[in-house]
Amino acid sequence: MLMGLASSGWIPVWALVTHVGRRSGRVYRTPIAIRPTASGFVIPLPWGDGTDWCRNLIAANGGVVRWKGADYPVVAPEVVERSVAAPAFPAALRALLPVLGIKRFLAVHRVDAAPVA
């Protein structure tokens, strides 16, 4: 059910990330919480950056985020601290981040907005 809600776009704080297994090569889809930024998205990492989906995105240098019913290819995943990700959150949610114990986030850039390397 969460997969359907995350990919539908009905609830804008949820998305679906498609990533390729770093060892298996299989395609996976994982529901995630998400916030948009000027160049992409930030994704809270409540279980840390050791989760398979996060490690897979980093190993593959990206994946696809399905947010609000649209697919966004993303690149350049980078684990960032709360202070870097916090501006993407409205004040009420920003105040909850420390309470929830979320310290790290995955920042990704949309392909159409990725910085030129």
PDB file of N, CA and C in Angstrom:
ATOM      1  N   MET A   1       0.808  -1.194   0.000  1.00  0.00           N
ATOM      2  CA  MET A   1       0.000   0.000   0.000  1.00  0.00           C
ATOM      3  C   MET A   1       0.855   1.264   0.000  1.00  0.00           C
ATOM      4  N   LEU A   2       1.935   1.273   0.816  1.00  0.00           N
ATOM      5  CA  LEU A   2       2.808   2.439   0.868  1.00  0.00           C
ATOM      6  C   LEU A   2       3.475   2.678  -0.476  1.00  0.00           C
ATOM      7  N   MET A   3       3.819   1.605  -1.180  1.00  0.00           N
ATOM      8  CA  MET A   3       4.428   1.746  -2.510  1.00  0.00           C
ATOM      9  C   MET A   3       3.463   2.478  -3.436  1.00  0.00           C
ATOM     10  N   GLY A   4       2.193   2.107  -3.398  1.00  0.00           N
ATOM     11  CA  GLY A   4       1.197   2.756  -4.247  1.00  0.00           C
ATOM     12  C   GLY A   4       1.020   4.221  -3.896  1.00  0.00           C
ATOM     13  N   LEU A   5       0.950   4.527  -2.602  1.00  0.00           N
ATOM     14  CA  LEU A   5       0.813   5.917  -2.168  1.00  0.00           C
ATOM     15  C   LEU A   5       2.046   6.728  -2.532  1.00  0.00           C
ATOM     16  N   ALA A   6       3.233   6.149  -2.334  1.00  0.00           N
ATOM     17  CA  ALA A   6       4.467   6.869  -2.616  1.00  0.00           C
ATOM     18  C   ALA A   6       4.605   7.194  -4.096  1.00  0.00           C
ATOM     19  N   SER A   7       4.175   6.291  -4.956  1.00  0.00           N
ATOM     20  CA  SER A   7       4.329   6.530  -6.395  1.00  0.00           C
ATOM     21  C   SER A   7       3.184   7.335  -6.997  1.00  0.00           C
ATOM     22  N   SER A   8       2.070   7.453  -6.268  1.00  0.00           N
ATOM     23  CA  SER A   8       0.893   8.120  -6.817  1.00  0.00           C
ATOM     24  C   SER A   8       1.020   9.633  -6.887  1.00  0.00           C
ATOM     25  N   GLY A   9       1.761  10.204  -5.960  1.00  0.00           N
ATOM     26  CA  GLY A   9       1.859  11.652  -5.896  1.00  0.00           C
ATOM     27  C   GLY A   9       0.777  12.287  -5.053  1.00  0.00           C
ATOM     28  N   TRP A  10      -0.107  11.495  -4.474  1.00  0.00           N
ATOM     29  CA  TRP A  10      -1.194  12.037  -3.658  1.00  0.00           C
ATOM     30  C   TRP A  10      -0.675  12.678  -2.381  1.00  0.00           C
ATOM     31  N   ILE A  11       0.385  12.130  -1.825  1.00  0.00           N
ATOM     32  CA  ILE A  11       0.948  12.658  -0.590  1.00  0.00           C
ATOM     33  C   ILE A  11       2.350  13.177  -0.923  1.00  0.00           C
ATOM     34  N   PRO A  12       2.521  14.499  -1.019  1.00  0.00           N
ATOM     35  CA  PRO A  12       3.764  15.064  -1.541  1.00  0.00           C
ATOM     36  C   PRO A  12       5.006  14.866  -0.691  1.00  0.00           C
ATOM     37  N   VAL A  13       4.880  14.362   0.538  1.00  0.00           N
ATOM     38  CA  VAL A  13       6.077  14.099   1.331  1.00  0.00           C
ATOM     39  C   VAL A  13       6.620  12.690   1.082  1.00  0.00           C
ATOM     40  N   TRP A  14       5.908  11.900   0.291  1.00  0.00           N
ATOM     41  CA  TRP A  14       6.344  10.546  -0.025  1.00  0.00           C
ATOM     42  C   TRP A  14       6.717  10.442  -1.490  1.00  0.00           C
ATOM     43  N   ALA A  15       7.697   9.617  -1.751  1.00  0.00           N
ATOM     44  CA  ALA A  15       8.141   9.357  -3.115  1.00  0.00           C
ATOM     45  C   ALA A  15       8.579   7.900  -3.195  1.00  0.00           C
ATOM     46  N   LEU A  16       8.908   7.493  -4.392  1.00  0.00           N
ATOM     47  CA  LEU A  16       9.417   6.150  -4.639  1.00  0.00           C
ATOM     48  C   LEU A  16      10.762   6.311  -5.322  1.00  0.00           C
ATOM     49  N   VAL A  17      11.786   5.678  -4.777  1.00  0.00           N
ATOM     50  CA  VAL A  17      13.098   5.751  -5.412  1.00  0.00           C
ATOM     51  C   VAL A  17      13.390   4.411  -6.080  1.00  0.00           C
ATOM     52  N   THR A  18      13.797   4.486  -7.347  1.00  0.00           N
ATOM     53  CA  THR A  18      14.190   3.286  -8.094  1.00  0.00           C
ATOM     54  C   THR A  18      15.702   3.263  -8.123  1.00  0.00           C
ATOM     55  N   HIS A  19      16.264   2.133  -7.730  1.00  0.00           N
ATOM     56  CA  HIS A  19      17.723   1.998  -7.650  1.00  0.00           C
ATOM     57  C   HIS A  19      18.124   0.598  -8.077  1.00  0.00           C
ATOM     58  N   VAL A  20      19.375   0.450  -8.457  1.00  0.00           N
ATOM     59  CA  VAL A  20      19.905  -0.835  -8.921  1.00  0.00           C
ATOM     60  C   VAL A  20      20.802  -1.410  -7.839  1.00  0.00           C
ATOM     61  N   GLY A  21      20.582  -2.682  -7.509  1.00  0.00           N
ATOM     62  CA  GLY A  21      21.396  -3.352  -6.496  1.00  0.00           C
ATOM     63  C   GLY A  21      22.865  -3.356  -6.876  1.00  0.00           C
ATOM     64  N   ARG A  22      23.709  -2.963  -5.953  1.00  0.00           N
ATOM     65  CA  ARG A  22      25.132  -2.844  -6.255  1.00  0.00           C
ATOM     66  C   ARG A  22      25.805  -4.188  -6.476  1.00  0.00           C
ATOM     67  N   ARG A  23      25.263  -5.255  -5.941  1.00  0.00           N
ATOM     68  CA  ARG A  23      25.829  -6.585  -6.184  1.00  0.00           C
ATOM     69  C   ARG A  23      24.959  -7.409  -7.121  1.00  0.00           C
ATOM     70  N   SER A  24      23.652  -7.325  -6.946  1.00  0.00           N
ATOM     71  CA  SER A  24      22.740  -8.175  -7.718  1.00  0.00           C
ATOM     72  C   SER A  24      22.446  -7.627  -9.107  1.00  0.00           C
ATOM     73  N   GLY A  25      22.495  -6.298  -9.247  1.00  0.00           N
ATOM     74  CA  GLY A  25      22.114  -5.689 -10.519  1.00  0.00           C
ATOM     75  C   GLY A  25      20.606  -5.628 -10.716  1.00  0.00           C
ATOM     76  N   ARG A  26      19.853  -6.082  -9.720  1.00  0.00           N
ATOM     77  CA  ARG A  26      18.390  -6.043  -9.793  1.00  0.00           C
ATOM     78  C   ARG A  26      17.875  -4.633  -9.583  1.00  0.00           C
ATOM     79  N   VAL A  27      16.711  -4.354 -10.147  1.00  0.00           N
ATOM     80  CA  VAL A  27      16.062  -3.056  -9.964  1.00  0.00           C
ATOM     81  C   VAL A  27      15.132  -3.155  -8.759  1.00  0.00           C
ATOM     82  N   TYR A  28      15.263  -2.184  -7.851  1.00  0.00           N
ATOM     83  CA  TYR A  28      14.436  -2.125  -6.652  1.00  0.00           C
ATOM     84  C   TYR A  28      13.691  -0.798  -6.611  1.00  0.00           C
ATOM     85  N   ARG A  29      12.551  -0.800  -5.936  1.00  0.00           N
ATOM     86  CA  ARG A  29      11.779   0.417  -5.691  1.00  0.00           C
ATOM     87  C   ARG A  29      11.498   0.494  -4.196  1.00  0.00           C
ATOM     88  N   THR A  30      11.840   1.631  -3.619  1.00  0.00           N
ATOM     89  CA  THR A  30      11.716   1.799  -2.176  1.00  0.00           C
ATOM     90  C   THR A  30      10.939   3.078  -1.870  1.00  0.00           C
ATOM     91  N   PRO A  31       9.888   3.009  -1.038  1.00  0.00           N
ATOM     92  CA  PRO A  31       9.181   4.230  -0.635  1.00  0.00           C
ATOM     93  C   PRO A  31      10.054   5.027   0.338  1.00  0.00           C
ATOM     94  N   ILE A  32      10.073   6.344   0.150  1.00  0.00           N
ATOM     95  CA  ILE A  32      10.893   7.220   0.978  1.00  0.00           C
ATOM     96  C   ILE A  32      10.130   8.500   1.298  1.00  0.00           C
ATOM     97  N   ALA A  33      10.529   9.168   2.365  1.00  0.00           N
ATOM     98  CA  ALA A  33      10.089  10.537   2.632  1.00  0.00           C
ATOM     99  C   ALA A  33      11.031  11.440   1.853  1.00  0.00           C
ATOM    100  N   ILE A  34      10.566  12.611   1.443  1.00  0.00           N
ATOM    101  CA  ILE A  34      11.378  13.443   0.550  1.00  0.00           C
ATOM    102  C   ILE A  34      10.979  14.911   0.666  1.00  0.00           C
ATOM    103  N   ARG A  35      11.922  15.784   0.372  1.00  0.00           N
ATOM    104  CA  ARG A  35      11.659  17.224   0.276  1.00  0.00           C
ATOM    105  C   ARG A  35      12.376  17.744  -0.961  1.00  0.00           C
ATOM    106  N   PRO A  36      11.713  18.582  -1.741  1.00  0.00           N
ATOM    107  CA  PRO A  36      12.360  19.156  -2.917  1.00  0.00           C
ATOM    108  C   PRO A  36      13.333  20.270  -2.525  1.00  0.00           C
ATOM    109  N   THR A  37      14.343  20.460  -3.358  1.00  0.00           N
ATOM    110  CA  THR A  37      15.275  21.576  -3.222  1.00  0.00           C
ATOM    111  C   THR A  37      15.353  22.257  -4.586  1.00  0.00           C
ATOM    112  N   ALA A  38      16.099  23.327  -4.678  1.00  0.00           N
ATOM    113  CA  ALA A  38      16.232  24.040  -5.953  1.00  0.00           C
ATOM    114  C   ALA A  38      16.845  23.157  -7.032  1.00  0.00           C
ATOM    115  N   SER A  39      17.751  22.266  -6.644  1.00  0.00           N
ATOM    116  CA  SER A  39      18.438  21.454  -7.653  1.00  0.00           C
ATOM    117  C   SER A  39      18.057  19.978  -7.627  1.00  0.00           C
ATOM    118  N   GLY A  40      17.228  19.577  -6.675  1.00  0.00           N
ATOM    119  CA  GLY A  40      16.884  18.160  -6.583  1.00  0.00           C
ATOM    120  C   GLY A  40      16.015  17.868  -5.380  1.00  0.00           C
ATOM    121  N   PHE A  41      16.510  16.980  -4.528  1.00  0.00           N
ATOM    122  CA  PHE A  41      15.743  16.542  -3.361  1.00  0.00           C
ATOM    123  C   PHE A  41      16.677  16.240  -2.202  1.00  0.00           C
ATOM    124  N   VAL A  42      16.137  16.294  -0.982  1.00  0.00           N
ATOM    125  CA  VAL A  42      16.816  15.741   0.180  1.00  0.00           C
ATOM    126  C   VAL A  42      15.899  14.676   0.771  1.00  0.00           C
ATOM    127  N   ILE A  43      16.536  13.601   1.196  1.00  0.00           N
ATOM    128  CA  ILE A  43      15.819  12.433   1.695  1.00  0.00           C
ATOM    129  C   ILE A  43      16.314  12.141   3.112  1.00  0.00           C
ATOM    130  N   PRO A  44      15.436  12.201   4.102  1.00  0.00           N
ATOM    131  CA  PRO A  44      15.864  11.880   5.465  1.00  0.00           C
ATOM    132  C   PRO A  44      16.371  10.444   5.555  1.00  0.00           C
ATOM    133  N   LEU A  45      17.390  10.245   6.378  1.00  0.00           N
ATOM    134  CA  LEU A  45      17.954   8.907   6.601  1.00  0.00           C
ATOM    135  C   LEU A  45      17.769   8.525   8.073  1.00  0.00           C
ATOM    136  N   PRO A  46      16.517   8.221   8.492  1.00  0.00           N
ATOM    137  CA  PRO A  46      16.284   7.907   9.903  1.00  0.00           C
ATOM    138  C   PRO A  46      17.019   6.652  10.366  1.00  0.00           C
ATOM    139  N   TRP A  47      17.362   5.748   9.448  1.00  0.00           N
ATOM    140  CA  TRP A  47      18.096   4.532   9.798  1.00  0.00           C
ATOM    141  C   TRP A  47      19.545   4.635   9.365  1.00  0.00           C
ATOM    142  N   GLY A  48      19.989   5.830   9.006  1.00  0.00           N
ATOM    143  CA  GLY A  48      21.384   6.043   8.636  1.00  0.00           C
ATOM    144  C   GLY A  48      21.660   5.777   7.169  1.00  0.00           C
ATOM    145  N   ASP A  49      22.907   6.001   6.784  1.00  0.00           N
ATOM    146  CA  ASP A  49      23.287   5.861   5.384  1.00  0.00           C
ATOM    147  C   ASP A  49      23.727   4.444   5.017  1.00  0.00           C
ATOM    148  N   GLY A  50      23.525   3.501   5.923  1.00  0.00           N
ATOM    149  CA  GLY A  50      23.872   2.110   5.650  1.00  0.00           C
ATOM    150  C   GLY A  50      22.739   1.301   5.040  1.00  0.00           C
ATOM    151  N   THR A  51      21.576   1.928   4.820  1.00  0.00           N
ATOM    152  CA  THR A  51      20.467   1.188   4.219  1.00  0.00           C
ATOM    153  C   THR A  51      20.830   0.819   2.784  1.00  0.00           C
ATOM    154  N   ASP A  52      20.321  -0.313   2.328  1.00  0.00           N
ATOM    155  CA  ASP A  52      20.668  -0.782   0.984  1.00  0.00           C
ATOM    156  C   ASP A  52      20.294   0.219  -0.095  1.00  0.00           C
ATOM    157  N   TRP A  53      19.112   0.828  -0.008  1.00  0.00           N
ATOM    158  CA  TRP A  53      18.706   1.741  -1.076  1.00  0.00           C
ATOM    159  C   TRP A  53      19.655   2.942  -1.150  1.00  0.00           C
ATOM    160  N   CYS A  54      20.091   3.444  -0.013  1.00  0.00           N
ATOM    161  CA  CYS A  54      21.013   4.584   0.011  1.00  0.00           C
ATOM    162  C   CYS A  54      22.371   4.169  -0.558  1.00  0.00           C
ATOM    163  N   ARG A  55      22.870   3.044  -0.120  1.00  0.00           N
ATOM    164  CA  ARG A  55      24.167   2.557  -0.627  1.00  0.00           C
ATOM    165  C   ARG A  55      24.091   2.268  -2.122  1.00  0.00           C
ATOM    166  N   ASN A  56      22.947   1.744  -2.583  1.00  0.00           N
ATOM    167  CA  ASN A  56      22.778   1.474  -4.011  1.00  0.00           C
ATOM    168  C   ASN A  56      22.799   2.757  -4.831  1.00  0.00           C
ATOM    169  N   LEU A  57      22.092   3.791  -4.363  1.00  0.00           N
ATOM    170  CA  LEU A  57      22.093   5.069  -5.084  1.00  0.00           C
ATOM    171  C   LEU A  57      23.500   5.647  -5.165  1.00  0.00           C
ATOM    172  N   ILE A  58      24.226   5.587  -4.068  1.00  0.00           N
ATOM    173  CA  ILE A  58      25.591   6.121  -4.060  1.00  0.00           C
ATOM    174  C   ILE A  58      26.484   5.320  -5.000  1.00  0.00           C
ATOM    175  N   ALA A  59      26.398   3.994  -4.936  1.00  0.00           N
ATOM    176  CA  ALA A  59      27.243   3.148  -5.787  1.00  0.00           C
ATOM    177  C   ALA A  59      26.962   3.364  -7.267  1.00  0.00           C
ATOM    178  N   ALA A  60      25.691   3.594  -7.619  1.00  0.00           N
ATOM    179  CA  ALA A  60      25.313   3.775  -9.027  1.00  0.00           C
ATOM    180  C   ALA A  60      25.376   5.239  -9.451  1.00  0.00           C
ATOM    181  N   ASN A  61      25.708   6.128  -8.522  1.00  0.00           N
ATOM    182  CA  ASN A  61      25.718   7.575  -8.766  1.00  0.00           C
ATOM    183  C   ASN A  61      24.352   8.094  -9.203  1.00  0.00           C
ATOM    184  N   GLY A  62      23.295   7.484  -8.649  1.00  0.00           N
ATOM    185  CA  GLY A  62      21.961   8.004  -8.932  1.00  0.00           C
ATOM    186  C   GLY A  62      20.931   6.924  -9.127  1.00  0.00           C
ATOM    187  N   GLY A  63      19.764   7.376  -9.574  1.00  0.00           N
ATOM    188  CA  GLY A  63      18.619   6.511  -9.796  1.00  0.00           C
ATOM    189  C   GLY A  63      17.471   7.363 -10.311  1.00  0.00           C
ATOM    190  N   VAL A  64      16.252   6.968  -9.968  1.00  0.00           N
ATOM    191  CA  VAL A  64      15.073   7.717 -10.397  1.00  0.00           C
ATOM    192  C   VAL A  64      14.160   7.916  -9.187  1.00  0.00           C
ATOM    193  N   VAL A  65      13.710   9.152  -9.004  1.00  0.00           N
ATOM    194  CA  VAL A  65      12.755   9.477  -7.953  1.00  0.00           C
ATOM    195  C   VAL A  65      11.408   9.718  -8.616  1.00  0.00           C
ATOM    196  N   ARG A  66      10.394   9.004  -8.159  1.00  0.00           N
ATOM    197  CA  ARG A  66       9.020   9.247  -8.617  1.00  0.00           C
ATOM    198  C   ARG A  66       8.342  10.051  -7.526  1.00  0.00           C
ATOM    199  N   TRP A  67       8.062  11.322  -7.827  1.00  0.00           N
ATOM    200  CA  TRP A  67       7.503  12.251  -6.850  1.00  0.00           C
ATOM    201  C   TRP A  67       6.372  13.020  -7.491  1.00  0.00           C
ATOM    202  N   LYS A  68       5.257  13.104  -6.787  1.00  0.00           N
ATOM    203  CA  LYS A  68       4.062  13.780  -7.285  1.00  0.00           C
ATOM    204  C   LYS A  68       3.654  13.250  -8.659  1.00  0.00           C
ATOM    205  N   GLY A  69       3.815  11.940  -8.860  1.00  0.00           N
ATOM    206  CA  GLY A  69       3.379  11.303 -10.095  1.00  0.00           C
ATOM    207  C   GLY A  69       4.306  11.457 -11.281  1.00  0.00           C
ATOM    208  N   ALA A  70       5.478  12.082 -11.102  1.00  0.00           N
ATOM    209  CA  ALA A  70       6.423  12.261 -12.206  1.00  0.00           C
ATOM    210  C   ALA A  70       7.767  11.628 -11.847  1.00  0.00           C
ATOM    211  N   ASP A  71       8.476  11.153 -12.868  1.00  0.00           N
ATOM    212  CA  ASP A  71       9.795  10.546 -12.672  1.00  0.00           C
ATOM    213  C   ASP A  71      10.892  11.581 -12.879  1.00  0.00           C
ATOM    214  N   TYR A  72      11.850  11.601 -11.943  1.00  0.00           N
ATOM    215  CA  TYR A  72      12.984  12.519 -12.002  1.00  0.00           C
ATOM    216  C   TYR A  72      14.277  11.719 -11.905  1.00  0.00           C
ATOM    217  N   PRO A  73      15.022  11.588 -13.003  1.00  0.00           N
ATOM    218  CA  PRO A  73      16.347  10.981 -12.885  1.00  0.00           C
ATOM    219  C   PRO A  73      17.212  11.865 -11.974  1.00  0.00           C
ATOM    220  N   VAL A  74      17.920  11.227 -11.055  1.00  0.00           N
ATOM    221  CA  VAL A  74      18.761  11.969 -10.115  1.00  0.00           C
ATOM    222  C   VAL A  74      20.182  11.423 -10.137  1.00  0.00           C
ATOM    223  N   VAL A  75      21.123  12.310  -9.854  1.00  0.00           N
ATOM    224  CA  VAL A  75      22.546  11.961  -9.856  1.00  0.00           C
ATOM    225  C   VAL A  75      23.233  12.605  -8.657  1.00  0.00           C
ATOM    226  N   ALA A  76      24.508  12.290  -8.519  1.00  0.00           N
ATOM    227  CA  ALA A  76      25.382  12.891  -7.511  1.00  0.00           C
ATOM    228  C   ALA A  76      24.845  12.777  -6.092  1.00  0.00           C
ATOM    229  N   PRO A  77      24.448  11.559  -5.662  1.00  0.00           N
ATOM    230  CA  PRO A  77      23.959  11.421  -4.289  1.00  0.00           C
ATOM    231  C   PRO A  77      25.083  11.699  -3.290  1.00  0.00           C
ATOM    232  N   GLU A  78      24.726  12.416  -2.242  1.00  0.00           N
ATOM    233  CA  GLU A  78      25.716  12.782  -1.229  1.00  0.00           C
ATOM    234  C   GLU A  78      25.041  12.809   0.130  1.00  0.00           C
ATOM    235  N   VAL A  79      25.645  12.160   1.103  1.00  0.00           N
ATOM    236  CA  VAL A  79      25.130  12.187   2.461  1.00  0.00           C
ATOM    237  C   VAL A  79      25.521  13.530   3.069  1.00  0.00           C
ATOM    238  N   VAL A  80      24.512  14.231   3.609  1.00  0.00           N
ATOM    239  CA  VAL A  80      24.744  15.554   4.201  1.00  0.00           C
ATOM    240  C   VAL A  80      24.176  15.596   5.610  1.00  0.00           C
ATOM    241  N   GLU A  81      24.660  16.553   6.369  1.00  0.00           N
ATOM    242  CA  GLU A  81      24.195  16.740   7.747  1.00  0.00           C
ATOM    243  C   GLU A  81      22.879  17.515   7.769  1.00  0.00           C
ATOM    244  N   ARG A  82      22.227  17.478   8.912  1.00  0.00           N
ATOM    245  CA  ARG A  82      20.942  18.151   9.095  1.00  0.00           C
ATOM    246  C   ARG A  82      21.031  19.643   8.747  1.00  0.00           C
ATOM    247  N   SER A  83      22.112  20.300   9.102  1.00  0.00           N
ATOM    248  CA  SER A  83      22.237  21.738   8.850  1.00  0.00           C
ATOM    249  C   SER A  83      22.192  22.067   7.359  1.00  0.00           C
ATOM    250  N   VAL A  84      22.658  21.157   6.526  1.00  0.00           N
ATOM    251  CA  VAL A  84      22.630  21.364   5.075  1.00  0.00           C
ATOM    252  C   VAL A  84      21.232  21.103   4.523  1.00  0.00           C
ATOM    253  N   ALA A  85      20.555  20.084   5.040  1.00  0.00           N
ATOM    254  CA  ALA A  85      19.240  19.688   4.532  1.00  0.00           C
ATOM    255  C   ALA A  85      18.091  20.503   5.104  1.00  0.00           C
ATOM    256  N   ALA A  86      18.260  21.059   6.286  1.00  0.00           N
ATOM    257  CA  ALA A  86      17.165  21.725   7.002  1.00  0.00           C
ATOM    258  C   ALA A  86      16.433  22.799   6.201  1.00  0.00           C
ATOM    259  N   PRO A  87      17.110  23.626   5.405  1.00  0.00           N
ATOM    260  CA  PRO A  87      16.371  24.665   4.670  1.00  0.00           C
ATOM    261  C   PRO A  87      15.287  24.128   3.727  1.00  0.00           C
ATOM    262  N   ALA A  88      15.350  22.862   3.361  1.00  0.00           N
ATOM    263  CA  ALA A  88      14.342  22.279   2.466  1.00  0.00           C
ATOM    264  C   ALA A  88      13.031  21.989   3.202  1.00  0.00           C
ATOM    265  N   PHE A  89      13.037  22.047   4.507  1.00  0.00           N
ATOM    266  CA  PHE A  89      11.872  21.695   5.306  1.00  0.00           C
ATOM    267  C   PHE A  89      11.165  22.938   5.830  1.00  0.00           C
ATOM    268  N   PRO A  90       9.820  22.929   5.856  1.00  0.00           N
ATOM    269  CA  PRO A  90       9.107  24.031   6.491  1.00  0.00           C
ATOM    270  C   PRO A  90       9.462  24.076   7.983  1.00  0.00           C
ATOM    271  N   ALA A  91       9.289  25.217   8.594  1.00  0.00           N
ATOM    272  CA  ALA A  91       9.703  25.428   9.985  1.00  0.00           C
ATOM    273  C   ALA A  91       9.183  24.350  10.939  1.00  0.00           C
ATOM    274  N   ALA A  92       7.914  23.972  10.806  1.00  0.00           N
ATOM    275  CA  ALA A  92       7.338  22.972  11.714  1.00  0.00           C
ATOM    276  C   ALA A  92       8.055  21.623  11.589  1.00  0.00           C
ATOM    277  N   LEU A  93       8.322  21.204  10.372  1.00  0.00           N
ATOM    278  CA  LEU A  93       9.037  19.940  10.175  1.00  0.00           C
ATOM    279  C   LEU A  93      10.502  20.062  10.582  1.00  0.00           C
ATOM    280  N   ARG A  94      11.100  21.214  10.303  1.00  0.00           N
ATOM    281  CA  ARG A  94      12.504  21.450  10.657  1.00  0.00           C
ATOM    282  C   ARG A  94      12.683  21.300  12.168  1.00  0.00           C
ATOM    283  N   ALA A  95      11.720  21.786  12.940  1.00  0.00           N
ATOM    284  CA  ALA A  95      11.792  21.689  14.394  1.00  0.00           C
ATOM    285  C   ALA A  95      11.684  20.241  14.875  1.00  0.00           C
ATOM    286  N   LEU A  96      11.020  19.393  14.096  1.00  0.00           N
ATOM    287  CA  LEU A  96      10.861  17.985  14.491  1.00  0.00           C
ATOM    288  C   LEU A  96      12.089  17.125  14.195  1.00  0.00           C
ATOM    289  N   LEU A  97      12.927  17.541  13.282  1.00  0.00           N
ATOM    290  CA  LEU A  97      14.063  16.705  12.877  1.00  0.00           C
ATOM    291  C   LEU A  97      14.944  16.293  14.055  1.00  0.00           C
ATOM    292  N   PRO A  98      15.338  17.220  14.934  1.00  0.00           N
ATOM    293  CA  PRO A  98      16.150  16.786  16.081  1.00  0.00           C
ATOM    294  C   PRO A  98      15.378  15.876  17.033  1.00  0.00           C
ATOM    295  N   VAL A  99      14.091  16.145  17.204  1.00  0.00           N
ATOM    296  CA  VAL A  99      13.258  15.323  18.084  1.00  0.00           C
ATOM    297  C   VAL A  99      13.194  13.890  17.560  1.00  0.00           C
ATOM    298  N   LEU A 100      13.098  13.761  16.238  1.00  0.00           N
ATOM    299  CA  LEU A 100      13.046  12.436  15.615  1.00  0.00           C
ATOM    300  C   LEU A 100      14.411  11.769  15.547  1.00  0.00           C
ATOM    301  N   GLY A 101      15.464  12.526  15.855  1.00  0.00           N
ATOM    302  CA  GLY A 101      16.816  11.976  15.851  1.00  0.00           C
ATOM    303  C   GLY A 101      17.421  11.833  14.466  1.00  0.00           C
ATOM    304  N   ILE A 102      16.842  12.507  13.473  1.00  0.00           N
ATOM    305  CA  ILE A 102      17.367  12.406  12.112  1.00  0.00           C
ATOM    306  C   ILE A 102      18.515  13.400  11.962  1.00  0.00           C
ATOM    307  N   LYS A 103      19.716  12.860  11.758  1.00  0.00           N
ATOM    308  CA  LYS A 103      20.914  13.694  11.674  1.00  0.00           C
ATOM    309  C   LYS A 103      21.479  13.775  10.270  1.00  0.00           C
ATOM    310  N   ARG A 104      21.201  12.758   9.461  1.00  0.00           N
ATOM    311  CA  ARG A 104      21.798  12.702   8.130  1.00  0.00           C
ATOM    312  C   ARG A 104      20.717  12.551   7.064  1.00  0.00           C
ATOM    313  N   PHE A 105      21.043  13.038   5.888  1.00  0.00           N
ATOM    314  CA  PHE A 105      20.122  13.070   4.754  1.00  0.00           C
ATOM    315  C   PHE A 105      20.899  12.722   3.503  1.00  0.00           C
ATOM    316  N   LEU A 106      20.188  12.245   2.497  1.00  0.00           N
ATOM    317  CA  LEU A 106      20.808  12.023   1.201  1.00  0.00           C
ATOM    318  C   LEU A 106      20.331  13.140   0.277  1.00  0.00           C
ATOM    319  N   ALA A 107      21.271  13.916  -0.237  1.00  0.00           N
ATOM    320  CA  ALA A 107      20.953  14.963  -1.207  1.00  0.00           C
ATOM    321  C   ALA A 107      21.217  14.396  -2.599  1.00  0.00           C
ATOM    322  N   VAL A 108      20.263  14.588  -3.499  1.00  0.00           N
ATOM    323  CA  VAL A 108      20.433  14.159  -4.896  1.00  0.00           C
ATOM    324  C   VAL A 108      20.068  15.331  -5.795  1.00  0.00           C
ATOM    325  N   HIS A 109      20.645  15.358  -6.976  1.00  0.00           N
ATOM    326  CA  HIS A 109      20.389  16.438  -7.937  1.00  0.00           C
ATOM    327  C   HIS A 109      19.601  15.890  -9.117  1.00  0.00           C
ATOM    328  N   ARG A 110      18.570  16.636  -9.523  1.00  0.00           N
ATOM    329  CA  ARG A 110      17.838  16.256 -10.733  1.00  0.00           C
ATOM    330  C   ARG A 110      18.782  16.390 -11.913  1.00  0.00           C
ATOM    331  N   VAL A 111      18.661  15.481 -12.870  1.00  0.00           N
ATOM    332  CA  VAL A 111      19.510  15.524 -14.053  1.00  0.00           C
ATOM    333  C   VAL A 111      19.352  16.848 -14.769  1.00  0.00           C
ATOM    334  N   ASP A 112      18.123  17.360 -14.856  1.00  0.00           N
ATOM    335  CA  ASP A 112      17.909  18.623 -15.555  1.00  0.00           C
ATOM    336  C   ASP A 112      18.395  19.834 -14.771  1.00  0.00           C
ATOM    337  N   ALA A 113      18.799  19.632 -13.505  1.00  0.00           N
ATOM    338  CA  ALA A 113      19.269  20.742 -12.688  1.00  0.00           C
ATOM    339  C   ALA A 113      20.638  20.441 -12.078  1.00  0.00           C
ATOM    340  N   ALA A 114      21.274  19.355 -12.512  1.00  0.00           N
ATOM    341  CA  ALA A 114      22.551  18.955 -11.926  1.00  0.00           C
ATOM    342  C   ALA A 114      23.632  19.977 -12.229  1.00  0.00           C
ATOM    343  N   PRO A 115      24.483  20.257 -11.243  1.00  0.00           N
ATOM    344  CA  PRO A 115      25.576  21.180 -11.511  1.00  0.00           C
ATOM    345  C   PRO A 115      26.540  20.582 -12.522  1.00  0.00           C
ATOM    346  N   VAL A 116      27.143  21.422 -13.309  1.00  0.00           N
ATOM    347  CA  VAL A 116      28.102  20.958 -14.310  1.00  0.00           C
ATOM    348  C   VAL A 116      29.406  20.638 -13.586  1.00  0.00           C
ATOM    349  N   ALA A 117      29.894  19.431 -13.778  1.00  0.00           N
ATOM    350  CA  ALA A 117      31.114  19.007 -13.092  1.00  0.00           C
ATOM    351  C   ALA A 117      32.358  19.355 -13.884  1.00  0.00           C
TER     352      ALA A 117
END
